[in-house]
Amino acid sequence: MANAYKTCGSSLSETEFEMVKHIIDMPELEELRLSECSIYKVPYNLRKVNEDAYTPEWISIGPIHLTKHQLQPMQEHKKSYFHFFWERVSNEQAMKSFKQYLQEKEENIRECYADKFPDISREKFVDMMLLDAVFIMELLLRNCHWKSERSKHEHDYKQTKSFRVKHSDDLILTQSWLSKNITRDLILLENQIPFFVLQRLYDTVVPGDSKKDEHNAGFVDLAIEYFAFYDTQMSSSDETKRVLDKNQSRKNYFSGSLRSSKKHSKSKNKDRCNKSTKHFTDLIRYFYLPTDWGRRNDCALHVLRTATKLQESGVSFEKHMNRRLLDITFEKKPFLSSFLCLGCLPYLNHFKARFRIPQLKVDHTTECVLRNLIAFEQCHYPDKPYICNYVNLIDSLIHTQLDVELLVEKEVIVHELGSDKEVATLVNSLSKHVVTNSTCYFETINELNKHYQNVWNRTMAALWLVYFRDPWRASSTLVGIAFIVFAVFQFVRAIRSLFGR
């Protein structure tokens, strides 16, 4: 019994244990290793707001939803993909070696989960991890090859040797609705396996001819290509290729190093990627963080005003092009912005107080993505809650339908929902039960509030909204002012001529 109440390197004395033994029903308390965890069950207070956003609908990955009856039909597709991957590899020894690796790392893999699943035996856990890892790898490889072949206007997957899979034979890739649902399930926090398992499978088992695709320079690139839909900087696979080719910083970010220095080899970058990226949910989070993120967290002095209130103080909302979702800035020139009513004229941006926000595309998957990223940060990044800070900022901007209408008019938000009111309801619900002690936008919020509280800014904003809201109105106003000045000048001249006589 002495071992039954030891935990975290300390233990209860027999007297202490006697006092609380009736509420301790665990035969053995495991040592807590929170630093090793990266895959969590969503906290109850977050889950109860919208349980569907955290629950897989089609496929189970990992142990958390393994026994869900409604997800069992996809097990057959996993087996089919396992068969195709076996033919692709054509290396029985490599597959056995990978399974042996999983057996050796079984305890390490379990430590990645907040729950340890004692009811799942060692053999079942390893087999599950093998089947899920192979399914994901085959899916990502097929997706990459399919995009490559589709760009060449061909309909077949072409592989070397005897391996050949026709596009029409693949249910997941041919049925777009199913493909999108599978992708959605693969980003859920509770539906993950460790990234290092997939990286090991790619490095040691995937044959070289499957790595020669133009889109595929490594497993990180393979994953980026598959989840490109969720990357706010990429709208198509062609753009994905263009950005990856022209801007190597994307790969550098996920690999945790800058490839601008040619001294770092490809293997070192992959090793660092294994250490920095925990799983696909973590990968999606990196899609939204700027590569040069250097902001510190602190508490804002006041809550940010709404979008319509900020506009009434002369803040100009602008869509920030070619930026990551969280790269929000507020820019104003100390002296010139005092005459912000002139900012409506062409090429006079220096007179504006510019609140620049990357475009947020809201569709029926947005809530699911953001909620899982929020849940992940609440559990794993409590000191770096950047997604939570972003959602709180947008929530502060939007209180009513009018705020959404303004942001939609400025193209800061585009959405596929039924109405602007639905967008407001969605945004306002995202922050419910989310706890943060600081924000990375505290400087931006303080500057915006300081701008709002300045009476002169609100006065100039009133002039701007009434007389300078657009170039036509501004030009008419300036013509009117010029006419009044000219009339006054003529009147003074006439008076002088009259009395001068």
Protein backbone atom coordinates (compact mmCIF):
# COMPACT_ATOMS: atom_id res chain seq x y z
CA MET A 1 0.00 0.00 0.00
CA ALA A 2 2.94 2.33 0.56
CA ASN A 3 3.47 2.61 -3.20
CA ALA A 4 -0.19 3.39 -3.79
CA TYR A 5 0.08 6.95 -2.66
CA LYS A 6 3.42 8.01 -4.12
CA THR A 7 3.30 10.62 -6.83
CA CYS A 8 5.55 13.26 -8.37
CA GLY A 9 8.53 12.18 -6.28
CA SER A 10 6.71 12.67 -2.95
CA SER A 11 4.42 10.49 -0.88
CA LEU A 12 1.80 10.68 1.82
CA SER A 13 2.67 9.29 5.23
CA GLU A 14 0.57 6.41 6.52
CA THR A 15 -1.26 8.80 8.85
CA GLU A 16 -1.97 11.24 6.03
CA PHE A 17 -3.18 8.44 3.78
CA GLU A 18 -5.52 7.12 6.47
CA MET A 19 -7.20 10.52 6.64
CA VAL A 20 -8.07 10.60 2.91
CA LYS A 21 -8.05 6.95 1.85
CA HIS A 22 -11.83 6.78 1.39
CA ILE A 23 -11.72 9.23 -1.53
CA ILE A 24 -8.60 7.74 -3.14
CA ASP A 25 -9.84 4.92 -5.33
CA MET A 26 -6.89 4.58 -7.69
CA PRO A 27 -4.69 1.54 -6.99
CA GLU A 28 -1.62 3.46 -8.12
CA LEU A 29 -1.13 7.14 -8.76
CA GLU A 30 1.05 7.70 -11.79
CA GLU A 31 3.77 10.30 -11.83
CA LEU A 32 2.59 13.45 -13.56
CA ARG A 33 4.57 14.36 -16.66
CA LEU A 34 2.67 17.29 -18.04
CA SER A 35 5.71 18.53 -19.95
CA GLU A 36 5.55 15.44 -22.17
CA CYS A 37 1.85 15.82 -23.01
CA SER A 38 0.75 17.42 -26.27
CA ILE A 39 -2.52 15.61 -27.09
CA TYR A 40 -5.39 16.38 -24.75
CA LYS A 41 -9.04 15.79 -24.24
CA VAL A 42 -10.81 19.11 -24.66
CA PRO A 43 -11.67 20.61 -21.25
CA TYR A 44 -15.31 20.17 -20.32
CA ASN A 45 -16.07 23.89 -20.04
CA LEU A 46 -14.97 24.42 -23.65
CA ARG A 47 -16.53 21.24 -24.98
CA LYS A 48 -20.01 21.96 -23.63
CA VAL A 49 -20.27 25.17 -25.69
CA ASN A 50 -20.15 23.19 -28.96
CA GLU A 51 -19.29 19.51 -28.60
CA ASP A 52 -19.53 18.82 -32.33
CA ALA A 53 -16.58 21.12 -33.04
CA TYR A 54 -14.21 18.78 -31.19
CA THR A 55 -15.64 15.40 -32.21
CA PRO A 56 -14.55 13.44 -35.32
CA GLU A 57 -17.40 12.66 -37.68
CA TRP A 58 -15.82 10.12 -40.02
CA ILE A 59 -12.49 8.76 -38.87
CA SER A 60 -10.73 8.00 -35.60
CA ILE A 61 -7.01 8.69 -35.27
CA GLY A 62 -5.26 7.70 -32.07
CA PRO A 63 -6.76 6.13 -28.94
CA ILE A 64 -9.24 8.76 -27.69
CA HIS A 65 -12.06 7.96 -30.14
CA LEU A 66 -10.92 4.46 -31.05
CA THR A 67 -14.01 2.69 -29.73
CA LYS A 68 -16.62 5.04 -31.23
CA HIS A 69 -19.10 2.82 -33.08
CA GLN A 70 -20.01 5.43 -35.71
CA LEU A 71 -16.37 5.72 -36.79
CA GLN A 72 -15.82 2.00 -37.41
CA PRO A 73 -16.73 2.00 -41.16
CA MET A 74 -13.57 3.98 -41.95
CA GLN A 75 -11.47 1.18 -40.45
CA GLU A 76 -11.98 -0.69 -43.73
CA HIS A 77 -10.52 2.25 -45.66
CA LYS A 78 -7.56 2.25 -43.29
CA LYS A 79 -6.94 -1.40 -44.07
CA SER A 80 -7.20 -0.70 -47.79
CA TYR A 81 -4.68 2.12 -47.54
CA PHE A 82 -2.42 -0.12 -45.46
CA HIS A 83 -2.48 -2.65 -48.31
CA PHE A 84 -1.64 -0.01 -50.93
CA PHE A 85 1.15 1.38 -48.76
CA TRP A 86 2.57 -2.14 -48.35
CA GLU A 87 2.68 -2.47 -52.15
CA ARG A 88 4.16 0.99 -52.49
CA VAL A 89 6.98 0.19 -50.07
CA SER A 90 7.59 -3.39 -51.24
CA ASN A 91 9.93 -3.78 -48.28
CA GLU A 92 8.73 -6.15 -45.60
CA GLN A 93 11.83 -5.63 -43.50
CA ALA A 94 11.32 -1.84 -43.41
CA MET A 95 7.73 -2.28 -42.22
CA LYS A 96 8.76 -4.74 -39.52
CA SER A 97 11.52 -2.40 -38.44
CA PHE A 98 9.04 0.47 -38.10
CA LYS A 99 6.70 -1.65 -36.02
CA GLN A 100 9.61 -2.60 -33.79
CA TYR A 101 10.35 1.13 -33.43
CA LEU A 102 6.75 1.68 -32.29
CA GLN A 103 7.09 -1.13 -29.76
CA GLU A 104 10.27 0.40 -28.37
CA LYS A 105 8.71 3.89 -28.21
CA GLU A 106 5.32 2.77 -26.95
CA GLU A 107 5.78 4.37 -23.53
CA ASN A 108 7.06 7.61 -25.06
CA ILE A 109 4.09 7.73 -27.40
CA ARG A 110 1.67 7.16 -24.53
CA GLU A 111 3.28 10.03 -22.64
CA CYS A 112 2.21 12.36 -25.46
CA TYR A 113 -1.40 11.80 -24.37
CA ALA A 114 -2.84 13.37 -21.25
CA ASP A 115 -4.77 10.13 -20.70
CA LYS A 116 -2.72 6.91 -20.62
CA PHE A 117 -5.48 4.46 -21.67
CA PRO A 118 -4.66 1.53 -19.38
CA ASP A 119 -7.49 -0.49 -20.93
CA ILE A 120 -5.65 -0.58 -24.28
CA SER A 121 -3.04 -3.31 -24.26
CA ARG A 122 0.50 -2.76 -25.49
CA GLU A 123 -0.05 -4.88 -28.60
CA LYS A 124 -3.32 -3.17 -29.50
CA PHE A 125 -1.82 0.28 -28.94
CA VAL A 126 1.13 -0.45 -31.26
CA ASP A 127 -1.10 -1.94 -33.97
CA MET A 128 -3.43 1.05 -33.76
CA MET A 129 -0.53 3.48 -34.06
CA LEU A 130 0.89 1.54 -37.03
CA LEU A 131 -2.42 1.43 -38.91
CA ASP A 132 -3.20 5.12 -38.31
CA ALA A 133 0.31 6.30 -39.23
CA VAL A 134 0.30 4.30 -42.46
CA PHE A 135 -3.19 5.55 -43.36
CA ILE A 136 -2.15 9.19 -42.88
CA MET A 137 1.08 8.72 -44.83
CA GLU A 138 -0.64 7.03 -47.75
CA LEU A 139 -3.35 9.70 -47.78
CA LEU A 140 -0.81 12.55 -47.84
CA LEU A 141 1.25 10.87 -50.57
CA ARG A 142 -1.81 10.23 -52.72
CA ASN A 143 -3.01 13.79 -52.26
CA CYS A 144 0.36 15.19 -53.32
CA HIS A 145 0.64 12.92 -56.35
CA TRP A 146 -2.97 13.57 -57.34
CA LYS A 147 -2.42 17.33 -57.33
CA SER A 148 0.75 16.90 -59.35
CA GLU A 149 -0.94 14.69 -61.95
CA ARG A 150 -4.05 16.85 -62.06
CA SER A 151 -1.91 19.85 -62.94
CA LYS A 152 -0.69 17.89 -65.96
CA HIS A 153 -4.29 17.04 -66.99
CA GLU A 154 -3.88 13.35 -66.27
CA HIS A 155 -6.20 11.08 -64.32
CA ASP A 156 -3.91 8.37 -63.06
CA TYR A 157 -1.47 8.06 -60.24
CA LYS A 158 1.84 7.04 -61.83
CA GLN A 159 4.38 5.16 -59.81
CA THR A 160 7.41 3.13 -60.74
CA LYS A 161 7.46 -0.67 -60.98
CA SER A 162 4.06 -2.39 -60.83
CA PHE A 163 2.36 0.03 -58.43
CA ARG A 164 -0.40 1.95 -60.20
CA VAL A 165 -3.58 3.33 -58.64
CA LYS A 166 -6.25 4.98 -60.73
CA HIS A 167 -7.91 8.15 -59.57
CA SER A 168 -11.33 6.53 -59.99
CA ASP A 169 -10.39 3.77 -57.53
CA ASP A 170 -9.87 6.12 -54.58
CA LEU A 171 -13.13 6.90 -52.78
CA ILE A 172 -11.63 9.49 -50.43
CA LEU A 173 -10.00 11.62 -53.13
CA THR A 174 -12.80 11.31 -55.69
CA GLN A 175 -15.57 12.27 -53.25
CA SER A 176 -14.79 15.88 -52.39
CA TRP A 177 -17.28 15.99 -49.52
CA LEU A 178 -15.63 12.97 -47.89
CA SER A 179 -12.14 14.32 -48.52
CA LYS A 180 -12.97 17.62 -46.80
CA ASN A 181 -14.54 15.82 -43.86
CA ILE A 182 -11.50 13.58 -43.44
CA THR A 183 -9.22 16.64 -43.53
CA ARG A 184 -11.40 18.32 -40.94
CA ASP A 185 -11.18 15.28 -38.65
CA LEU A 186 -7.38 15.18 -38.99
CA ILE A 187 -6.95 18.62 -37.43
CA LEU A 188 -8.99 17.92 -34.28
CA LEU A 189 -7.02 18.06 -31.04
CA GLU A 190 -8.41 14.75 -29.77
CA ASN A 191 -7.73 13.02 -33.08
CA GLN A 192 -3.94 13.18 -33.24
CA ILE A 193 -0.87 10.97 -33.18
CA PRO A 194 2.61 12.38 -32.45
CA PHE A 195 4.35 14.10 -35.34
CA PHE A 196 7.62 12.27 -34.69
CA VAL A 197 5.91 8.93 -35.45
CA LEU A 198 4.89 10.14 -38.92
CA GLN A 199 8.29 11.71 -39.50
CA ARG A 200 9.99 8.40 -38.66
CA LEU A 201 7.69 6.50 -41.01
CA TYR A 202 8.46 8.91 -43.83
CA ASP A 203 12.21 8.92 -43.28
CA THR A 204 12.74 5.18 -42.88
CA VAL A 205 9.96 3.44 -44.81
CA VAL A 206 8.62 5.62 -47.64
CA PRO A 207 10.60 4.67 -50.78
CA GLY A 208 12.73 7.22 -52.57
CA ASP A 209 10.65 7.28 -55.77
CA SER A 210 7.63 8.45 -53.74
CA LYS A 211 9.66 11.39 -52.46
CA LYS A 212 10.58 12.78 -55.87
CA ASP A 213 7.33 14.62 -56.54
CA GLU A 214 7.76 18.33 -57.32
CA HIS A 215 5.53 19.30 -54.39
CA ASN A 216 7.30 17.02 -51.97
CA ALA A 217 10.72 17.89 -50.56
CA GLY A 218 10.10 16.36 -47.13
CA PHE A 219 7.37 15.26 -44.78
CA VAL A 220 6.75 18.84 -43.59
CA ASP A 221 6.12 19.89 -47.19
CA LEU A 222 3.83 16.90 -47.66
CA ALA A 223 1.74 17.94 -44.65
CA ILE A 224 1.69 21.61 -45.71
CA GLU A 225 0.45 20.59 -49.15
CA TYR A 226 -2.36 18.50 -47.68
CA PHE A 227 -3.56 21.18 -45.23
CA ALA A 228 -3.00 24.11 -47.64
CA PHE A 229 -6.75 24.85 -47.53
CA TYR A 230 -6.35 26.02 -43.93
CA ASP A 231 -3.39 28.25 -44.69
CA THR A 232 -4.65 31.82 -44.96
CA GLN A 233 -1.82 32.73 -47.32
CA MET A 234 -2.63 30.00 -49.83
CA SER A 235 -5.82 29.72 -51.85
CA SER A 236 -4.76 26.98 -54.27
CA SER A 237 -2.14 24.32 -54.76
CA ASP A 238 -0.53 26.42 -57.49
CA GLU A 239 -0.11 29.27 -55.05
CA THR A 240 1.23 26.78 -52.53
CA LYS A 241 3.98 25.77 -54.94
CA ARG A 242 4.75 29.38 -55.83
CA VAL A 243 5.06 30.43 -52.19
CA LEU A 244 7.13 27.40 -51.25
CA ASP A 245 9.49 28.05 -54.16
CA LYS A 246 9.82 31.80 -53.72
CA ASN A 247 9.65 32.09 -49.97
CA GLN A 248 11.66 29.42 -48.22
CA SER A 249 10.83 30.96 -44.84
CA ARG A 250 7.70 28.82 -44.65
CA LYS A 251 9.68 25.60 -44.53
CA ASN A 252 12.22 27.24 -42.26
CA TYR A 253 9.53 28.13 -39.74
CA PHE A 254 8.21 24.60 -39.44
CA SER A 255 11.71 23.21 -39.32
CA GLY A 256 12.68 25.67 -36.60
CA SER A 257 15.66 27.13 -38.48
CA LEU A 258 16.41 29.59 -41.27
CA ARG A 259 17.45 27.92 -44.50
CA SER A 260 18.92 31.20 -45.69
CA SER A 261 22.04 29.86 -44.08
CA LYS A 262 23.24 27.04 -46.31
CA LYS A 263 25.27 25.59 -43.48
CA HIS A 264 22.21 23.83 -42.10
CA SER A 265 21.59 20.51 -43.76
CA LYS A 266 18.20 19.09 -44.65
CA SER A 267 18.49 16.40 -41.98
CA LYS A 268 19.07 18.96 -39.23
CA ASN A 269 16.01 20.89 -40.32
CA LYS A 270 13.91 17.72 -40.13
CA ASP A 271 15.24 16.94 -36.66
CA ARG A 272 14.29 20.41 -35.44
CA CYS A 273 10.88 20.06 -37.04
CA ASN A 274 10.32 16.86 -35.06
CA LYS A 275 11.14 18.70 -31.86
CA SER A 276 9.02 21.80 -32.52
CA THR A 277 5.87 20.43 -34.17
CA LYS A 278 3.79 18.20 -31.93
CA HIS A 279 1.03 17.11 -34.32
CA PHE A 280 -1.26 18.41 -37.07
CA THR A 281 -3.21 20.73 -34.75
CA ASP A 282 0.09 22.34 -33.81
CA LEU A 283 1.00 22.56 -37.50
CA ILE A 284 -2.25 24.39 -38.31
CA ARG A 285 -1.50 26.82 -35.46
CA TYR A 286 1.84 27.64 -37.08
CA PHE A 287 -0.01 28.53 -40.29
CA TYR A 288 -1.44 31.57 -38.51
CA LEU A 289 1.64 32.79 -36.63
CA PRO A 290 3.95 35.28 -38.38
CA THR A 291 7.42 33.89 -39.07
CA ASP A 292 9.06 36.89 -37.39
CA TRP A 293 6.79 36.87 -34.36
CA GLY A 294 8.54 38.83 -31.62
CA ARG A 295 5.78 40.41 -29.60
CA ARG A 296 5.73 40.07 -25.85
CA ASN A 297 2.63 39.41 -23.80
CA ASP A 298 1.22 41.89 -21.32
CA CYS A 299 -2.11 43.21 -20.08
CA ALA A 300 -3.91 45.93 -22.01
CA LEU A 301 -5.03 48.93 -19.98
CA HIS A 302 -8.60 48.88 -21.28
CA VAL A 303 -10.88 46.72 -23.39
CA LEU A 304 -10.71 47.49 -27.09
CA ARG A 305 -13.60 49.53 -28.55
CA THR A 306 -15.84 48.06 -31.24
CA ALA A 307 -15.19 48.49 -34.95
CA THR A 308 -17.92 51.10 -35.40
CA LYS A 309 -16.69 53.10 -32.38
CA LEU A 310 -13.13 53.04 -33.67
CA GLN A 311 -14.30 54.23 -37.07
CA GLU A 312 -16.04 57.15 -35.35
CA SER A 313 -12.63 58.18 -34.01
CA GLY A 314 -11.08 58.10 -37.48
CA VAL A 315 -9.54 54.62 -37.49
CA SER A 316 -9.29 53.30 -41.04
CA PHE A 317 -9.77 49.52 -41.33
CA GLU A 318 -7.70 47.93 -44.08
CA LYS A 319 -7.21 44.41 -45.37
CA HIS A 320 -3.57 43.44 -44.79
CA MET A 321 -2.35 41.64 -47.90
CA ASN A 322 0.09 38.70 -47.91
CA ARG A 323 0.25 38.44 -44.14
CA ARG A 324 -0.36 35.66 -41.66
CA LEU A 325 -3.71 35.78 -39.90
CA LEU A 326 -2.33 37.03 -36.59
CA ASP A 327 -0.12 39.75 -38.07
CA ILE A 328 -2.31 42.71 -37.01
CA THR A 329 -0.86 46.22 -36.86
CA PHE A 330 -1.96 49.78 -36.09
CA GLU A 331 -0.02 52.46 -37.96
CA LYS A 332 -0.21 56.25 -37.69
CA LYS A 333 2.17 59.15 -38.17
CA PRO A 334 2.36 61.34 -35.02
CA PHE A 335 1.75 64.69 -36.73
CA LEU A 336 0.16 63.86 -40.10
CA SER A 337 -2.53 61.62 -38.58
CA SER A 338 -3.88 64.67 -36.73
CA PHE A 339 -5.37 65.66 -40.11
CA LEU A 340 -6.79 62.21 -40.85
CA CYS A 341 -9.71 63.71 -42.77
CA LEU A 342 -7.24 64.14 -45.66
CA GLY A 343 -6.48 60.44 -45.71
CA CYS A 344 -9.36 59.71 -48.09
CA LEU A 345 -7.51 61.43 -50.91
CA PRO A 346 -5.41 59.18 -53.20
CA TYR A 347 -1.82 58.49 -52.16
CA LEU A 348 -2.25 60.27 -48.82
CA ASN A 349 -2.13 57.19 -46.57
CA HIS A 350 0.29 58.96 -44.23
CA PHE A 351 -2.63 61.02 -42.96
CA LYS A 352 -4.56 57.90 -41.93
CA ALA A 353 -4.73 55.99 -38.67
CA ARG A 354 -4.50 52.54 -40.30
CA PHE A 355 -5.71 49.42 -38.51
CA ARG A 356 -4.40 46.69 -40.79
CA ILE A 357 -5.90 43.22 -40.37
CA PRO A 358 -5.29 40.13 -42.56
CA GLN A 359 -8.46 38.89 -44.16
CA LEU A 360 -10.45 36.37 -42.11
CA LYS A 361 -12.40 33.92 -44.26
CA VAL A 362 -15.36 32.57 -42.32
CA ASP A 363 -17.04 29.40 -43.55
CA HIS A 364 -18.59 26.33 -41.96
CA THR A 365 -15.18 24.96 -40.91
CA THR A 366 -13.86 28.13 -39.29
CA GLU A 367 -15.46 27.54 -35.90
CA CYS A 368 -14.10 23.98 -35.73
CA VAL A 369 -10.56 25.06 -36.58
CA LEU A 370 -10.42 28.00 -34.17
CA ARG A 371 -12.03 26.10 -31.31
CA ASN A 372 -9.51 23.27 -31.53
CA LEU A 373 -6.60 25.70 -31.71
CA ILE A 374 -7.98 27.55 -28.69
CA ALA A 375 -8.38 24.31 -26.75
CA PHE A 376 -4.82 23.29 -27.64
CA GLU A 377 -3.41 26.61 -26.46
CA GLN A 378 -5.40 26.50 -23.24
CA CYS A 379 -3.87 23.10 -22.45
CA HIS A 380 -0.38 23.36 -23.97
CA TYR A 381 0.55 27.01 -24.51
CA PRO A 382 -0.92 28.90 -21.54
CA ASP A 383 1.99 31.36 -21.70
CA LYS A 384 1.70 31.79 -25.50
CA PRO A 385 -2.04 31.97 -26.17
CA TYR A 386 -1.67 33.76 -29.50
CA ILE A 387 -4.77 32.26 -31.15
CA CYS A 388 -6.79 33.05 -28.01
CA ASN A 389 -5.48 36.63 -28.10
CA TYR A 390 -6.50 36.95 -31.75
CA VAL A 391 -10.00 35.63 -31.12
CA ASN A 392 -10.41 37.95 -28.14
CA LEU A 393 -9.31 40.90 -30.28
CA ILE A 394 -11.81 40.11 -33.04
CA ASP A 395 -14.49 39.50 -30.40
CA SER A 396 -13.82 42.97 -28.96
CA LEU A 397 -14.21 44.52 -32.41
CA ILE A 398 -17.52 42.77 -33.07
CA HIS A 399 -20.48 43.28 -30.77
CA THR A 400 -23.32 43.69 -33.24
CA GLN A 401 -24.24 43.05 -36.84
CA LEU A 402 -23.20 46.63 -37.69
CA ASP A 403 -19.61 45.88 -36.69
CA VAL A 404 -19.57 42.87 -39.01
CA GLU A 405 -21.05 44.92 -41.85
CA LEU A 406 -18.25 47.46 -41.50
CA LEU A 407 -15.51 44.80 -41.52
CA VAL A 408 -17.14 43.02 -44.47
CA GLU A 409 -17.34 46.33 -46.35
CA LYS A 410 -13.60 46.80 -45.77
CA GLU A 411 -12.97 43.14 -46.82
CA VAL A 412 -11.35 42.42 -43.48
CA ILE A 413 -13.92 39.64 -43.15
CA VAL A 414 -15.43 37.58 -45.95
CA HIS A 415 -17.91 34.87 -45.10
CA GLU A 416 -20.16 32.18 -46.52
CA LEU A 417 -22.69 32.22 -43.69
CA GLY A 418 -26.31 33.22 -44.09
CA SER A 419 -26.00 36.72 -42.67
CA ASP A 420 -23.66 39.15 -40.94
CA LYS A 421 -25.57 38.50 -37.73
CA GLU A 422 -24.52 34.83 -37.82
CA VAL A 423 -20.88 35.93 -38.06
CA ALA A 424 -21.31 38.16 -35.02
CA THR A 425 -22.92 35.31 -33.06
CA LEU A 426 -20.13 32.91 -34.06
CA VAL A 427 -17.30 35.29 -33.11
CA ASN A 428 -18.91 36.22 -29.78
CA SER A 429 -19.22 32.54 -28.81
CA LEU A 430 -15.59 31.61 -29.50
CA SER A 431 -14.19 33.34 -26.42
CA LYS A 432 -16.63 31.78 -23.98
CA HIS A 433 -14.77 30.13 -21.07
CA VAL A 434 -11.39 31.04 -22.62
CA VAL A 435 -8.95 32.23 -19.95
CA THR A 436 -5.87 34.35 -20.74
CA ASN A 437 -3.78 36.46 -18.40
CA SER A 438 -2.19 38.61 -21.08
CA THR A 439 -2.33 39.47 -24.76
CA CYS A 440 0.29 39.85 -27.47
CA TYR A 441 -1.76 42.76 -28.84
CA PHE A 442 -1.58 44.90 -25.71
CA GLU A 443 0.44 47.64 -27.43
CA THR A 444 -1.96 47.72 -30.38
CA ILE A 445 -4.99 47.82 -28.08
CA ASN A 446 -3.53 50.59 -25.92
CA GLU A 447 -2.63 52.68 -28.97
CA LEU A 448 -6.12 52.25 -30.44
CA ASN A 449 -7.80 53.21 -27.17
CA LYS A 450 -5.51 56.21 -26.79
CA HIS A 451 -6.43 57.29 -30.30
CA TYR A 452 -10.14 56.86 -29.54
CA GLN A 453 -9.99 58.90 -26.34
CA ASN A 454 -8.47 61.91 -28.12
CA VAL A 455 -11.25 64.50 -28.68
CA TRP A 456 -9.45 66.04 -31.66
CA ASN A 457 -9.39 62.66 -33.41
CA ARG A 458 -13.14 62.24 -32.98
CA THR A 459 -13.71 65.79 -34.28
CA MET A 460 -11.57 65.12 -37.35
CA ALA A 461 -13.33 61.81 -37.80
CA ALA A 462 -16.70 63.56 -37.83
CA LEU A 463 -15.42 65.84 -40.60
CA TRP A 464 -14.06 62.82 -42.41
CA LEU A 465 -17.31 60.84 -42.20
CA VAL A 466 -19.45 63.79 -43.31
CA TYR A 467 -17.24 65.60 -45.83
CA PHE A 468 -14.25 63.38 -46.70
CA ARG A 469 -15.54 59.80 -46.64
CA ASP A 470 -14.65 59.09 -50.26
CA PRO A 471 -12.59 60.90 -52.94
CA TRP A 472 -15.67 62.31 -54.68
CA ARG A 473 -17.08 63.75 -51.49
CA ALA A 474 -13.64 65.05 -50.50
CA SER A 475 -13.12 66.72 -53.86
CA SER A 476 -16.56 68.34 -53.62
CA THR A 477 -15.74 69.55 -50.12
CA LEU A 478 -12.41 70.99 -51.24
CA VAL A 479 -14.08 72.71 -54.19
CA GLY A 480 -16.65 74.16 -51.80
CA ILE A 481 -13.93 75.37 -49.43
CA ALA A 482 -12.04 76.89 -52.35
CA PHE A 483 -15.22 78.63 -53.52
CA ILE A 484 -15.85 80.05 -50.02
CA VAL A 485 -12.24 81.25 -49.75
CA PHE A 486 -12.50 82.83 -53.18
CA ALA A 487 -15.81 84.47 -52.27
CA VAL A 488 -14.37 85.85 -49.02
CA PHE A 489 -11.33 87.12 -50.90
CA GLN A 490 -13.53 88.84 -53.45
CA PHE A 491 -15.70 90.31 -50.69
CA VAL A 492 -12.67 91.72 -48.85
CA ARG A 493 -11.32 93.08 -52.10
CA ALA A 494 -14.64 94.77 -52.85
CA ILE A 495 -14.79 96.31 -49.37
CA ARG A 496 -11.27 97.65 -49.73
CA SER A 497 -12.10 99.14 -53.12
CA LEU A 498 -15.27 100.72 -51.74
CA PHE A 499 -13.66 102.38 -48.73
CA GLY A 500 -10.48 103.11 -50.60
CA ARG A 501 -12.31 105.64 -52.71
